[in-house]
Each structure stands twice: as C-alpha cells, then as structure tokens.
Amino acid sequence: MKTQRAGKKAKGAGSDRTLVAQNKKARHDYLILDTYECGIVLTGTEVKSLRQGRASLVDGFGQVDDGEVWLHNVHIPEYAQGTWTNHSAKRKRKLLLHRSEIDRLIGKTQETGHTLVPLQLYFVKGRAKVELALAKGKKEYDKRHTLREKQDRREAERVISAVRRRQRA
C-alpha cells in the first residue's frame, strides 16, 4: 500500500525540499532577524507521520537549555498504524545546530523581546529539517503598518499593470 507523500516541492531549480508544515502567522506576529536550518531528532513514528504531511507549528517555540536547543509545542500527531511504540504528540524535540550557532543564539535570546520561532518543517534529501527564526515580537501598530504597506504595494502593481494593458491596446 502506497501512502501519500507530504506537501509540495519547493519552487526553484534543483530544489529537493518537500514542505510539510509552515507557520505563516509567525511572519505577521514577529520581526524575523535571522534564520537557521536545523536538523531535528525524531522517532520512527514521527517521521512516518510527517511523511503523510501531518504537523502543526502554530504554538511552537525554541528554547536553549544547557547548551542545547529544544523545540517545544510542535504538534506531530500519532502515526495511525503505530503500536505501543507511538510517540506523544507535543513532546519536546532536540534541534541539531553547530556549536557556534548555539553560542550565538544563547547571547541573542537573553536579550529582551527575542525568541526562537519555527517557520517551516520540511524534508531535504530524506532528512527532516526545521527553519528556526530568531525573532522579535511586533507591536499592534507595527502589524497594521506592515499590512498597509502590503496593500499599497498591491494597489501600485494593479495600477501599473492596468496602464501597461491600455498601452498595448
């Protein structure tokens, strides 16, 4: 029996990324300062569940404890065909980073207002990866300002395309 594979292939030439989950709200709620591609330590049933495209990053966050980075509150549901070896859905999972990156994160996360937020969960060449962002929370007026800029850009593009259509006709 063949199972359905996770997500879509990422855009771009020669890209081996297969997207499983994405946290779209994070880019709205946080100002992204830096991103890191991290490996993630998973059990067998977690990988099988991810390959079916089942995961949620909505409440997830990263934390540095004793020189190790951990991912909390990421929901990977239990594997349907699993047995007593199934995993718990919201357990904390270890992230794999280079020592220099961990040291940099330790310094940055101690600053007020900085946090670690997962943006994407995907497979690269068969290995599960997490795109982890060092982020700073936005205020409500910053969110409104970002939405207004986005609307202004869309309106400008519409006007430009309308002018080009008139010139062709």
N, C-alpha and C. Protein backbone atom coordinates (compact mmCIF):
# COMPACT_ATOMS: atom_id res chain seq x y z
N MET A 1 0.83 -1.18 0.00
CA MET A 1 0.00 0.00 0.00
C MET A 1 0.88 1.25 0.00
N LYS A 2 0.62 2.14 -0.91
CA LYS A 2 1.43 3.34 -1.04
C LYS A 2 0.76 4.49 -0.28
N THR A 3 1.52 5.20 0.53
CA THR A 3 0.96 6.32 1.29
C THR A 3 1.21 7.61 0.53
N GLN A 4 0.39 8.59 0.84
CA GLN A 4 0.52 9.88 0.18
C GLN A 4 1.71 10.64 0.77
N ARG A 5 2.53 11.20 -0.08
CA ARG A 5 3.72 11.93 0.39
C ARG A 5 3.35 13.31 0.88
N ALA A 6 4.20 13.87 1.68
CA ALA A 6 3.95 15.16 2.31
C ALA A 6 4.12 16.30 1.32
N GLY A 7 3.32 17.33 1.52
CA GLY A 7 3.46 18.65 0.94
C GLY A 7 3.82 18.78 -0.52
N LYS A 8 4.29 19.96 -0.85
CA LYS A 8 4.65 20.31 -2.21
C LYS A 8 6.15 20.45 -2.31
N LYS A 9 6.65 20.26 -3.50
CA LYS A 9 8.06 20.54 -3.75
C LYS A 9 8.23 22.05 -3.75
N ALA A 10 9.30 22.52 -3.17
CA ALA A 10 9.55 23.95 -3.12
C ALA A 10 9.91 24.46 -4.51
N LYS A 11 9.62 25.73 -4.75
CA LYS A 11 9.92 26.33 -6.04
C LYS A 11 11.42 26.54 -6.17
N GLY A 12 11.89 26.55 -7.40
CA GLY A 12 13.30 26.80 -7.64
C GLY A 12 13.94 25.64 -8.36
N ALA A 13 15.00 25.92 -9.05
CA ALA A 13 15.66 24.90 -9.86
C ALA A 13 16.47 23.97 -8.97
N GLY A 14 16.25 22.68 -9.10
CA GLY A 14 17.04 21.69 -8.38
C GLY A 14 16.77 21.63 -6.89
N SER A 15 15.65 22.14 -6.45
CA SER A 15 15.34 22.14 -5.03
C SER A 15 14.81 20.78 -4.60
N ASP A 16 15.38 20.24 -3.51
CA ASP A 16 14.96 18.93 -3.00
C ASP A 16 14.06 19.07 -1.79
N ARG A 17 13.53 20.24 -1.52
CA ARG A 17 12.69 20.48 -0.36
C ARG A 17 11.28 19.97 -0.57
N THR A 18 10.77 19.24 0.42
CA THR A 18 9.37 18.82 0.44
C THR A 18 8.75 19.41 1.69
N LEU A 19 7.91 20.41 1.52
CA LEU A 19 7.33 21.14 2.64
C LEU A 19 6.28 20.29 3.35
N VAL A 20 6.37 20.24 4.68
CA VAL A 20 5.41 19.50 5.49
C VAL A 20 4.47 20.47 6.21
N ALA A 21 5.03 21.48 6.89
CA ALA A 21 4.22 22.44 7.63
C ALA A 21 4.87 23.81 7.58
N GLN A 22 4.04 24.84 7.67
CA GLN A 22 4.52 26.21 7.60
C GLN A 22 3.78 27.04 8.63
N ASN A 23 4.49 27.97 9.26
CA ASN A 23 3.91 28.85 10.26
C ASN A 23 3.79 30.25 9.64
N LYS A 24 2.69 30.50 8.93
CA LYS A 24 2.50 31.76 8.23
C LYS A 24 2.29 32.92 9.19
N LYS A 25 1.65 32.63 10.31
CA LYS A 25 1.33 33.69 11.26
C LYS A 25 2.59 34.26 11.93
N ALA A 26 3.67 33.48 11.97
CA ALA A 26 4.89 33.93 12.62
C ALA A 26 5.45 35.17 11.93
N ARG A 27 5.38 35.20 10.61
CA ARG A 27 5.90 36.38 9.88
C ARG A 27 5.04 37.60 10.12
N HIS A 28 3.78 37.39 10.47
CA HIS A 28 2.89 38.51 10.78
C HIS A 28 3.13 39.01 12.21
N ASP A 29 3.34 38.08 13.14
CA ASP A 29 3.45 38.44 14.56
C ASP A 29 4.86 38.85 14.99
N TYR A 30 5.88 38.45 14.22
CA TYR A 30 7.26 38.69 14.63
C TYR A 30 8.06 39.35 13.52
N LEU A 31 9.05 40.12 13.93
CA LEU A 31 10.04 40.66 13.01
C LEU A 31 11.18 39.65 12.97
N ILE A 32 11.41 39.05 11.81
CA ILE A 32 12.41 37.99 11.67
C ILE A 32 13.79 38.64 11.53
N LEU A 33 14.69 38.34 12.47
CA LEU A 33 16.03 38.92 12.45
C LEU A 33 17.04 38.01 11.75
N ASP A 34 16.93 36.71 11.98
CA ASP A 34 17.88 35.76 11.41
C ASP A 34 17.21 34.38 11.33
N THR A 35 17.60 33.56 10.36
CA THR A 35 17.03 32.22 10.25
C THR A 35 18.14 31.18 10.25
N TYR A 36 17.81 30.00 10.75
CA TYR A 36 18.74 28.88 10.82
C TYR A 36 18.04 27.62 10.32
N GLU A 37 18.76 26.80 9.55
CA GLU A 37 18.24 25.50 9.15
C GLU A 37 18.78 24.48 10.15
N CYS A 38 17.88 23.81 10.86
CA CYS A 38 18.26 22.88 11.92
C CYS A 38 17.80 21.47 11.57
N GLY A 39 18.61 20.50 11.92
CA GLY A 39 18.15 19.13 11.90
C GLY A 39 17.30 18.92 13.14
N ILE A 40 16.50 17.86 13.15
CA ILE A 40 15.63 17.60 14.29
C ILE A 40 15.68 16.11 14.62
N VAL A 41 15.78 15.81 15.91
CA VAL A 41 15.86 14.42 16.36
C VAL A 41 14.43 13.90 16.50
N LEU A 42 14.09 12.87 15.71
CA LEU A 42 12.74 12.32 15.70
C LEU A 42 12.76 10.82 15.91
N THR A 43 11.63 10.27 16.33
CA THR A 43 11.47 8.81 16.40
C THR A 43 10.89 8.34 15.07
N GLY A 44 10.84 7.03 14.86
CA GLY A 44 10.37 6.47 13.61
C GLY A 44 8.93 6.82 13.29
N THR A 45 8.05 6.76 14.29
CA THR A 45 6.64 7.05 14.03
C THR A 45 6.42 8.53 13.74
N GLU A 46 7.27 9.41 14.29
CA GLU A 46 7.16 10.83 13.99
C GLU A 46 7.51 11.09 12.53
N VAL A 47 8.54 10.43 12.03
CA VAL A 47 8.94 10.60 10.63
C VAL A 47 7.82 10.11 9.71
N LYS A 48 7.23 8.97 10.04
CA LYS A 48 6.15 8.43 9.22
C LYS A 48 4.94 9.36 9.21
N SER A 49 4.64 9.96 10.34
CA SER A 49 3.54 10.90 10.43
C SER A 49 3.84 12.16 9.61
N LEU A 50 5.08 12.63 9.65
CA LEU A 50 5.48 13.80 8.86
C LEU A 50 5.42 13.51 7.37
N ARG A 51 5.80 12.31 6.97
CA ARG A 51 5.76 11.96 5.55
C ARG A 51 4.33 11.96 5.01
N GLN A 52 3.35 11.80 5.89
CA GLN A 52 1.95 11.91 5.49
C GLN A 52 1.48 13.36 5.47
N GLY A 53 2.37 14.29 5.82
CA GLY A 53 2.05 15.72 5.77
C GLY A 53 1.29 16.22 6.97
N ARG A 54 1.48 15.60 8.11
CA ARG A 54 0.71 15.95 9.30
C ARG A 54 1.61 16.58 10.35
N ALA A 55 1.47 17.88 10.55
CA ALA A 55 2.20 18.60 11.60
C ALA A 55 1.63 20.00 11.74
N SER A 56 1.85 20.61 12.90
CA SER A 56 1.40 21.98 13.14
C SER A 56 2.48 22.72 13.93
N LEU A 57 2.89 23.87 13.42
CA LEU A 57 3.92 24.68 14.06
C LEU A 57 3.33 25.89 14.80
N VAL A 58 2.01 25.99 14.88
CA VAL A 58 1.35 27.20 15.34
C VAL A 58 1.81 27.66 16.72
N ASP A 59 1.84 26.78 17.71
CA ASP A 59 2.22 27.18 19.06
C ASP A 59 3.68 26.91 19.38
N GLY A 60 4.46 26.51 18.40
CA GLY A 60 5.83 26.08 18.64
C GLY A 60 6.77 27.22 18.96
N PHE A 61 7.80 26.89 19.74
CA PHE A 61 8.86 27.84 20.05
C PHE A 61 10.13 27.07 20.37
N GLY A 62 11.25 27.73 20.24
CA GLY A 62 12.54 27.12 20.56
C GLY A 62 13.07 27.67 21.87
N GLN A 63 13.92 26.86 22.53
CA GLN A 63 14.49 27.28 23.81
C GLN A 63 15.88 26.68 23.93
N VAL A 64 16.80 27.45 24.47
CA VAL A 64 18.16 26.98 24.70
C VAL A 64 18.29 26.56 26.15
N ASP A 65 18.63 25.27 26.39
CA ASP A 65 18.81 24.73 27.74
C ASP A 65 20.14 23.99 27.80
N ASP A 66 21.01 24.40 28.71
CA ASP A 66 22.30 23.73 28.93
C ASP A 66 23.09 23.51 27.65
N GLY A 67 23.14 24.52 26.80
CA GLY A 67 23.93 24.42 25.58
C GLY A 67 23.30 23.59 24.48
N GLU A 68 22.01 23.26 24.60
CA GLU A 68 21.28 22.52 23.57
C GLU A 68 20.02 23.29 23.22
N VAL A 69 19.59 23.20 21.97
CA VAL A 69 18.39 23.88 21.53
C VAL A 69 17.26 22.86 21.43
N TRP A 70 16.11 23.19 22.02
CA TRP A 70 14.95 22.30 22.05
C TRP A 70 13.76 22.98 21.41
N LEU A 71 12.95 22.20 20.73
CA LEU A 71 11.73 22.68 20.10
C LEU A 71 10.53 22.20 20.93
N HIS A 72 9.72 23.14 21.40
CA HIS A 72 8.58 22.84 22.27
C HIS A 72 7.27 23.10 21.53
N ASN A 73 6.21 22.38 21.93
CA ASN A 73 4.83 22.60 21.48
C ASN A 73 4.58 22.44 19.98
N VAL A 74 5.44 21.77 19.27
CA VAL A 74 5.16 21.46 17.87
C VAL A 74 4.34 20.17 17.86
N HIS A 75 3.19 20.23 17.21
CA HIS A 75 2.25 19.10 17.24
C HIS A 75 2.48 18.20 16.03
N ILE A 76 2.99 16.99 16.29
CA ILE A 76 3.10 15.95 15.27
C ILE A 76 2.19 14.83 15.75
N PRO A 77 1.03 14.65 15.10
CA PRO A 77 0.06 13.67 15.61
C PRO A 77 0.60 12.25 15.57
N GLU A 78 0.01 11.39 16.38
CA GLU A 78 0.44 9.99 16.42
C GLU A 78 0.23 9.34 15.06
N TYR A 79 1.12 8.42 14.73
CA TYR A 79 1.03 7.67 13.48
C TYR A 79 -0.13 6.69 13.58
N ALA A 80 -1.01 6.71 12.59
CA ALA A 80 -2.24 5.91 12.64
C ALA A 80 -1.96 4.41 12.73
N GLN A 81 -0.96 3.92 12.02
CA GLN A 81 -0.65 2.50 12.03
C GLN A 81 0.35 2.12 13.12
N GLY A 82 0.67 3.08 13.98
CA GLY A 82 1.64 2.81 15.04
C GLY A 82 1.07 1.91 16.12
N THR A 83 1.97 1.33 16.91
CA THR A 83 1.55 0.45 18.00
C THR A 83 1.92 1.10 19.32
N TRP A 84 2.29 0.32 20.30
CA TRP A 84 2.67 0.85 21.60
C TRP A 84 3.93 1.70 21.51
N THR A 85 4.65 1.66 20.39
CA THR A 85 5.87 2.45 20.23
C THR A 85 5.59 3.87 19.75
N ASN A 86 4.31 4.24 19.63
CA ASN A 86 3.95 5.58 19.15
C ASN A 86 4.50 6.66 20.08
N HIS A 87 4.69 7.84 19.52
CA HIS A 87 5.24 8.98 20.26
C HIS A 87 4.12 9.83 20.85
N SER A 88 4.45 10.69 21.79
CA SER A 88 3.46 11.66 22.28
C SER A 88 3.48 12.86 21.33
N ALA A 89 2.33 13.44 21.09
CA ALA A 89 2.17 14.44 20.03
C ALA A 89 2.94 15.74 20.26
N LYS A 90 3.04 16.21 21.50
CA LYS A 90 3.67 17.50 21.75
C LYS A 90 4.92 17.41 22.61
N ARG A 91 5.69 16.37 22.46
CA ARG A 91 6.90 16.25 23.27
C ARG A 91 7.95 17.25 22.79
N LYS A 92 8.92 17.56 23.65
CA LYS A 92 9.98 18.46 23.21
C LYS A 92 10.99 17.66 22.39
N ARG A 93 11.52 18.31 21.34
CA ARG A 93 12.41 17.63 20.41
C ARG A 93 13.72 18.42 20.29
N LYS A 94 14.81 17.70 20.25
CA LYS A 94 16.13 18.33 20.19
C LYS A 94 16.42 18.80 18.77
N LEU A 95 16.99 19.99 18.65
CA LEU A 95 17.39 20.52 17.36
C LEU A 95 18.90 20.41 17.21
N LEU A 96 19.36 20.16 16.01
CA LEU A 96 20.78 19.96 15.74
C LEU A 96 21.35 21.19 15.05
N LEU A 97 22.26 21.86 15.74
CA LEU A 97 22.93 23.06 15.23
C LEU A 97 24.41 22.97 15.54
N HIS A 98 25.21 23.76 14.83
CA HIS A 98 26.63 23.84 15.13
C HIS A 98 26.83 24.61 16.43
N ARG A 99 27.91 24.31 17.13
CA ARG A 99 28.20 24.94 18.42
C ARG A 99 28.26 26.46 18.30
N SER A 100 28.86 26.99 17.23
CA SER A 100 28.96 28.44 17.07
C SER A 100 27.56 29.07 16.92
N GLU A 101 26.64 28.37 16.23
CA GLU A 101 25.28 28.87 16.09
C GLU A 101 24.54 28.86 17.42
N ILE A 102 24.75 27.81 18.20
CA ILE A 102 24.11 27.72 19.52
C ILE A 102 24.63 28.83 20.43
N ASP A 103 25.93 29.07 20.40
CA ASP A 103 26.50 30.14 21.22
C ASP A 103 25.93 31.50 20.84
N ARG A 104 25.75 31.73 19.54
CA ARG A 104 25.17 32.98 19.06
C ARG A 104 23.72 33.10 19.53
N LEU A 105 22.98 32.00 19.48
CA LEU A 105 21.58 32.01 19.92
C LEU A 105 21.46 32.25 21.42
N ILE A 106 22.38 31.70 22.19
CA ILE A 106 22.35 31.91 23.64
C ILE A 106 22.45 33.39 23.95
N GLY A 107 23.37 34.08 23.30
CA GLY A 107 23.53 35.52 23.52
C GLY A 107 22.32 36.32 23.07
N LYS A 108 21.78 35.98 21.91
CA LYS A 108 20.66 36.75 21.36
C LYS A 108 19.35 36.52 22.11
N THR A 109 19.08 35.28 22.54
CA THR A 109 17.81 35.02 23.21
C THR A 109 17.75 35.59 24.62
N GLN A 110 18.90 35.93 25.19
CA GLN A 110 18.90 36.54 26.52
C GLN A 110 18.52 38.01 26.45
N GLU A 111 18.57 38.61 25.26
CA GLU A 111 18.14 40.00 25.09
C GLU A 111 16.62 40.07 25.23
N THR A 112 16.13 41.16 25.74
CA THR A 112 14.69 41.32 25.97
C THR A 112 13.92 41.33 24.65
N GLY A 113 12.85 40.54 24.60
CA GLY A 113 11.96 40.55 23.44
C GLY A 113 12.34 39.60 22.33
N HIS A 114 13.47 38.91 22.43
CA HIS A 114 13.90 37.99 21.38
C HIS A 114 13.45 36.57 21.71
N THR A 115 13.04 35.85 20.69
CA THR A 115 12.58 34.48 20.86
C THR A 115 12.93 33.64 19.64
N LEU A 116 12.81 32.33 19.77
CA LEU A 116 13.06 31.42 18.67
C LEU A 116 11.71 30.86 18.19
N VAL A 117 11.43 31.01 16.91
CA VAL A 117 10.14 30.61 16.35
C VAL A 117 10.38 29.70 15.14
N PRO A 118 9.71 28.53 15.08
CA PRO A 118 9.84 27.69 13.88
C PRO A 118 8.99 28.26 12.75
N LEU A 119 9.58 28.38 11.55
CA LEU A 119 8.86 28.91 10.40
C LEU A 119 8.36 27.81 9.48
N GLN A 120 9.21 26.80 9.24
CA GLN A 120 8.85 25.73 8.32
C GLN A 120 9.39 24.41 8.83
N LEU A 121 8.72 23.34 8.46
CA LEU A 121 9.17 21.98 8.72
C LEU A 121 9.14 21.28 7.37
N TYR A 122 10.27 20.71 6.95
CA TYR A 122 10.36 20.15 5.61
C TYR A 122 11.38 19.03 5.56
N PHE A 123 11.40 18.31 4.46
CA PHE A 123 12.39 17.27 4.21
C PHE A 123 13.36 17.76 3.14
N VAL A 124 14.65 17.52 3.37
CA VAL A 124 15.69 17.78 2.38
C VAL A 124 16.47 16.49 2.22
N LYS A 125 16.42 15.92 1.03
CA LYS A 125 17.11 14.66 0.74
C LYS A 125 16.78 13.58 1.76
N GLY A 126 15.51 13.50 2.16
CA GLY A 126 15.05 12.47 3.09
C GLY A 126 15.25 12.78 4.56
N ARG A 127 15.82 13.93 4.89
CA ARG A 127 16.06 14.28 6.30
C ARG A 127 15.14 15.42 6.71
N ALA A 128 14.55 15.30 7.89
CA ALA A 128 13.63 16.32 8.39
C ALA A 128 14.44 17.52 8.89
N LYS A 129 14.02 18.69 8.49
CA LYS A 129 14.68 19.94 8.88
C LYS A 129 13.63 20.93 9.37
N VAL A 130 14.07 21.86 10.21
CA VAL A 130 13.22 22.94 10.71
C VAL A 130 13.92 24.24 10.40
N GLU A 131 13.17 25.20 9.84
CA GLU A 131 13.71 26.54 9.66
C GLU A 131 13.33 27.32 10.91
N LEU A 132 14.33 27.62 11.73
CA LEU A 132 14.14 28.29 13.00
C LEU A 132 14.55 29.75 12.86
N ALA A 133 13.72 30.65 13.35
CA ALA A 133 14.00 32.08 13.21
C ALA A 133 14.24 32.71 14.57
N LEU A 134 15.25 33.57 14.62
CA LEU A 134 15.44 34.44 15.76
C LEU A 134 14.55 35.65 15.48
N ALA A 135 13.59 35.90 16.35
CA ALA A 135 12.57 36.90 16.06
C ALA A 135 12.33 37.81 17.25
N LYS A 136 11.76 38.96 16.93
CA LYS A 136 11.38 39.93 17.95
C LYS A 136 9.90 40.24 17.74
N GLY A 137 9.12 40.21 18.81
CA GLY A 137 7.68 40.41 18.72
C GLY A 137 7.33 41.80 18.21
N LYS A 138 6.33 41.86 17.33
CA LYS A 138 5.85 43.14 16.81
C LYS A 138 4.75 43.69 17.71
N LYS A 139 4.68 44.99 17.76
CA LYS A 139 3.58 45.66 18.45
C LYS A 139 2.38 45.71 17.49
N GLU A 140 1.22 46.02 18.02
CA GLU A 140 0.00 46.03 17.19
C GLU A 140 0.10 47.06 16.07
N TYR A 141 0.68 48.23 16.35
CA TYR A 141 0.78 49.25 15.32
C TYR A 141 1.78 48.86 14.23
N ASP A 142 2.80 48.06 14.58
CA ASP A 142 3.73 47.54 13.58
C ASP A 142 3.02 46.59 12.63
N LYS A 143 2.14 45.76 13.17
CA LYS A 143 1.39 44.81 12.33
C LYS A 143 0.49 45.56 11.36
N ARG A 144 -0.18 46.60 11.85
CA ARG A 144 -1.06 47.39 10.97
C ARG A 144 -0.24 48.09 9.89
N HIS A 145 0.93 48.59 10.27
CA HIS A 145 1.79 49.28 9.31
C HIS A 145 2.25 48.31 8.21
N THR A 146 2.61 47.09 8.58
CA THR A 146 3.03 46.08 7.60
C THR A 146 1.90 45.74 6.64
N LEU A 147 0.68 45.57 7.17
CA LEU A 147 -0.47 45.28 6.31
C LEU A 147 -0.76 46.44 5.35
N ARG A 148 -0.64 47.67 5.84
CA ARG A 148 -0.88 48.84 4.99
C ARG A 148 0.16 48.90 3.86
N GLU A 149 1.43 48.64 4.17
CA GLU A 149 2.47 48.63 3.13
C GLU A 149 2.18 47.57 2.07
N LYS A 150 1.73 46.40 2.53
CA LYS A 150 1.42 45.31 1.60
C LYS A 150 0.27 45.71 0.68
N GLN A 151 -0.78 46.34 1.22
CA GLN A 151 -1.90 46.79 0.41
C GLN A 151 -1.48 47.87 -0.58
N ASP A 152 -0.62 48.79 -0.14
CA ASP A 152 -0.14 49.85 -1.02
C ASP A 152 0.66 49.27 -2.20
N ARG A 153 1.51 48.27 -1.91
CA ARG A 153 2.27 47.63 -2.99
C ARG A 153 1.35 46.95 -4.00
N ARG A 154 0.32 46.27 -3.50
CA ARG A 154 -0.64 45.60 -4.40
C ARG A 154 -1.37 46.61 -5.27
N GLU A 155 -1.82 47.72 -4.69
CA GLU A 155 -2.50 48.75 -5.47
C GLU A 155 -1.60 49.33 -6.54
N ALA A 156 -0.34 49.61 -6.19
CA ALA A 156 0.60 50.15 -7.17
C ALA A 156 0.82 49.16 -8.32
N GLU A 157 0.94 47.88 -8.00
CA GLU A 157 1.10 46.87 -9.05
C GLU A 157 -0.12 46.80 -9.95
N ARG A 158 -1.32 46.91 -9.38
CA ARG A 158 -2.56 46.90 -10.18
C ARG A 158 -2.61 48.08 -11.13
N VAL A 159 -2.25 49.26 -10.63
CA VAL A 159 -2.26 50.46 -11.47
C VAL A 159 -1.26 50.33 -12.60
N ILE A 160 -0.06 49.85 -12.29
CA ILE A 160 0.97 49.70 -13.31
C ILE A 160 0.53 48.70 -14.38
N SER A 161 -0.05 47.57 -13.95
CA SER A 161 -0.49 46.57 -14.93
C SER A 161 -1.65 47.10 -15.78
N ALA A 162 -2.54 47.90 -15.18
CA ALA A 162 -3.64 48.49 -15.94
C ALA A 162 -3.12 49.46 -16.98
N VAL A 163 -2.12 50.26 -16.63
CA VAL A 163 -1.53 51.20 -17.58
C VAL A 163 -0.86 50.44 -18.72
N ARG A 164 -0.16 49.38 -18.42
CA ARG A 164 0.50 48.58 -19.46
C ARG A 164 -0.52 47.96 -20.40
N ARG A 165 -1.64 47.49 -19.85
CA ARG A 165 -2.69 46.90 -20.69
C ARG A 165 -3.27 47.94 -21.64
N ARG A 166 -3.48 49.17 -21.15
CA ARG A 166 -4.01 50.24 -22.01
C ARG A 166 -3.03 50.59 -23.11
N GLN A 167 -1.73 50.58 -22.80
CA GLN A 167 -0.71 50.93 -23.80
C GLN A 167 -0.66 49.88 -24.92
N ARG A 168 -0.89 48.63 -24.59
CA ARG A 168 -0.86 47.56 -25.59
C ARG A 168 -2.08 47.64 -26.51
N ALA A 169 -3.21 48.08 -25.97
CA ALA A 169 -4.44 48.08 -26.75
C ALA A 169 -4.53 49.22 -27.72
